[in-house]
Amino acid sequence: MPPMAFHQATLAVAEVQERCFKEASSGLRPNKQQALRLLIGMGYDKDAAVAKWKEIATWRATNRIDDVRHQQSSLIDGTAEIHFPEELEVYS
């Protein structure tokens, strides 16, 4: 299928976002960039893009990716500043 015109792509992205939100059991909605990447990756086939999102949402839920992301984020937030042994000499 040839690439879509900008207006068609904008409408297709919005449709994919809405359908992914409604049809995926996780209730996750892809952002515009994710929806566009799904469309391009699935050859501009909206049904295939939504099906792929369902696979992604299932994988994320099975592997508890949101929990992992939250855990990693809390580790990063709690870290102190990083200092290198010779930084005063290097940056003075």
C-alpha atoms as a PDB file:
ATOM      1  CA  MET A   1       0.000   0.000   0.000  1.00  0.00           C
ATOM      2  CA  PRO A   2       1.408   3.436  -0.871  1.00  0.00           C
ATOM      3  CA  PRO A   3       2.140   5.870   1.950  1.00  0.00           C
ATOM      4  CA  MET A   4      -0.817   7.876   3.206  1.00  0.00           C
ATOM      5  CA  ALA A   5      -1.340  11.588   2.833  1.00  0.00           C
ATOM      6  CA  PHE A   6      -0.796  13.606   6.012  1.00  0.00           C
ATOM      7  CA  HIS A   7      -4.521  14.029   6.690  1.00  0.00           C
ATOM      8  CA  GLN A   8      -5.197  10.315   6.143  1.00  0.00           C
ATOM      9  CA  ALA A   9      -2.306   9.376   8.421  1.00  0.00           C
ATOM     10  CA  THR A  10      -3.533  11.739  11.138  1.00  0.00           C
ATOM     11  CA  LEU A  11      -6.998  10.179  11.029  1.00  0.00           C
ATOM     12  CA  ALA A  12      -5.558   6.654  10.961  1.00  0.00           C
ATOM     13  CA  VAL A  13      -3.329   7.375  13.971  1.00  0.00           C
ATOM     14  CA  ALA A  14      -6.297   8.714  15.942  1.00  0.00           C
ATOM     15  CA  GLU A  15      -8.377   5.665  15.000  1.00  0.00           C
ATOM     16  CA  VAL A  16      -5.618   3.253  16.007  1.00  0.00           C
ATOM     17  CA  GLN A  17      -5.157   5.056  19.329  1.00  0.00           C
ATOM     18  CA  GLU A  18      -8.871   4.879  20.104  1.00  0.00           C
ATOM     19  CA  ARG A  19      -9.288   1.262  19.017  1.00  0.00           C
ATOM     20  CA  CYS A  20      -6.217   0.150  20.963  1.00  0.00           C
ATOM     21  CA  PHE A  21      -7.587   1.815  24.085  1.00  0.00           C
ATOM     22  CA  LYS A  22     -11.026   0.219  23.664  1.00  0.00           C
ATOM     23  CA  GLU A  23      -9.965  -3.242  22.494  1.00  0.00           C
ATOM     24  CA  ALA A  24      -6.846  -3.963  24.561  1.00  0.00           C
ATOM     25  CA  SER A  25      -7.778  -5.475  27.909  1.00  0.00           C
ATOM     26  CA  SER A  26      -5.052  -3.453  29.651  1.00  0.00           C
ATOM     27  CA  GLY A  27      -6.698  -0.127  28.895  1.00  0.00           C
ATOM     28  CA  LEU A  28      -3.379   1.229  27.619  1.00  0.00           C
ATOM     29  CA  ARG A  29      -3.556   3.854  24.904  1.00  0.00           C
ATOM     30  CA  PRO A  30      -0.574   4.257  22.594  1.00  0.00           C
ATOM     31  CA  ASN A  31       0.648   7.798  22.175  1.00  0.00           C
ATOM     32  CA  LYS A  32       0.628   9.317  18.683  1.00  0.00           C
ATOM     33  CA  GLN A  33       4.188   8.257  17.911  1.00  0.00           C
ATOM     34  CA  GLN A  34       3.532   4.673  19.021  1.00  0.00           C
ATOM     35  CA  ALA A  35       0.352   4.498  16.957  1.00  0.00           C
ATOM     36  CA  LEU A  36       2.162   5.868  13.901  1.00  0.00           C
ATOM     37  CA  ARG A  37       5.003   3.369  14.334  1.00  0.00           C
ATOM     38  CA  LEU A  38       2.477   0.542  14.654  1.00  0.00           C
ATOM     39  CA  LEU A  39       0.774   1.655  11.433  1.00  0.00           C
ATOM     40  CA  ILE A  40       4.006   1.919   9.498  1.00  0.00           C
ATOM     41  CA  GLY A  41       5.331  -1.349  10.898  1.00  0.00           C
ATOM     42  CA  MET A  42       2.147  -3.182   9.982  1.00  0.00           C
ATOM     43  CA  GLY A  43       2.038  -1.827   6.431  1.00  0.00           C
ATOM     44  CA  TYR A  44      -0.642   0.811   7.135  1.00  0.00           C
ATOM     45  CA  ASP A  45      -3.099  -1.928   8.106  1.00  0.00           C
ATOM     46  CA  LYS A  46      -5.141  -0.545  11.011  1.00  0.00           C
ATOM     47  CA  ASP A  47      -6.505  -3.955  12.027  1.00  0.00           C
ATOM     48  CA  ALA A  48      -2.995  -5.428  12.127  1.00  0.00           C
ATOM     49  CA  ALA A  49      -1.729  -2.429  14.125  1.00  0.00           C
ATOM     50  CA  VAL A  50      -4.455  -2.907  16.736  1.00  0.00           C
ATOM     51  CA  ALA A  51      -3.787  -6.653  16.890  1.00  0.00           C
ATOM     52  CA  LYS A  52      -0.066  -5.948  17.430  1.00  0.00           C
ATOM     53  CA  TRP A  53      -0.912  -3.481  20.222  1.00  0.00           C
ATOM     54  CA  LYS A  54      -2.971  -6.178  21.923  1.00  0.00           C
ATOM     55  CA  GLU A  55       0.078  -8.472  21.784  1.00  0.00           C
ATOM     56  CA  ILE A  56       2.259  -5.724  23.218  1.00  0.00           C
ATOM     57  CA  ALA A  57      -0.225  -4.928  25.997  1.00  0.00           C
ATOM     58  CA  THR A  58      -0.494  -8.626  26.898  1.00  0.00           C
ATOM     59  CA  TRP A  59       3.295  -8.989  26.984  1.00  0.00           C
ATOM     60  CA  ARG A  60       3.626  -5.866  29.155  1.00  0.00           C
ATOM     61  CA  ALA A  61       1.018  -7.182  31.596  1.00  0.00           C
ATOM     62  CA  THR A  62       2.495 -10.700  31.703  1.00  0.00           C
ATOM     63  CA  ASN A  63       5.973  -9.356  32.396  1.00  0.00           C
ATOM     64  CA  ARG A  64       4.740  -6.635  34.768  1.00  0.00           C
ATOM     65  CA  ILE A  65       6.601  -3.974  32.827  1.00  0.00           C
ATOM     66  CA  ASP A  66       4.804  -1.089  34.549  1.00  0.00           C
ATOM     67  CA  ASP A  67       5.971  -2.430  37.927  1.00  0.00           C
ATOM     68  CA  VAL A  68       9.532  -2.734  36.631  1.00  0.00           C
ATOM     69  CA  ARG A  69       9.408   0.799  35.210  1.00  0.00           C
ATOM     70  CA  HIS A  70       8.113   2.188  38.507  1.00  0.00           C
ATOM     71  CA  GLN A  71      10.765   0.282  40.460  1.00  0.00           C
ATOM     72  CA  GLN A  72      13.577   1.520  38.207  1.00  0.00           C
ATOM     73  CA  SER A  73      12.250   5.066  38.319  1.00  0.00           C
ATOM     74  CA  SER A  74      12.221   5.064  42.114  1.00  0.00           C
ATOM     75  CA  LEU A  75      15.827   3.816  42.136  1.00  0.00           C
ATOM     76  CA  ILE A  76      16.908   6.610  39.827  1.00  0.00           C
ATOM     77  CA  ASP A  77      15.025   9.253  41.817  1.00  0.00           C
ATOM     78  CA  GLY A  78      16.745   8.164  45.029  1.00  0.00           C
ATOM     79  CA  THR A  79      20.322   8.344  43.783  1.00  0.00           C
ATOM     80  CA  ALA A  80      22.768  10.955  44.952  1.00  0.00           C
ATOM     81  CA  GLU A  81      24.898  13.048  42.670  1.00  0.00           C
ATOM     82  CA  ILE A  82      27.660  11.200  40.886  1.00  0.00           C
ATOM     83  CA  HIS A  83      31.212  12.345  41.544  1.00  0.00           C
ATOM     84  CA  PHE A  84      34.410  11.177  39.890  1.00  0.00           C
ATOM     85  CA  PRO A  85      37.666  10.814  41.844  1.00  0.00           C
ATOM     86  CA  GLU A  86      39.640  13.460  39.902  1.00  0.00           C
ATOM     87  CA  GLU A  87      36.795  15.766  38.912  1.00  0.00           C
ATOM     88  CA  LEU A  88      38.096  18.803  40.747  1.00  0.00           C
ATOM     89  CA  GLU A  89      41.382  18.626  38.859  1.00  0.00           C
ATOM     90  CA  VAL A  90      39.696  17.984  35.523  1.00  0.00           C
ATOM     91  CA  TYR A  91      36.979  20.620  35.759  1.00  0.00           C
ATOM     92  CA  SER A  92      38.943  23.386  37.530  1.00  0.00           C
END
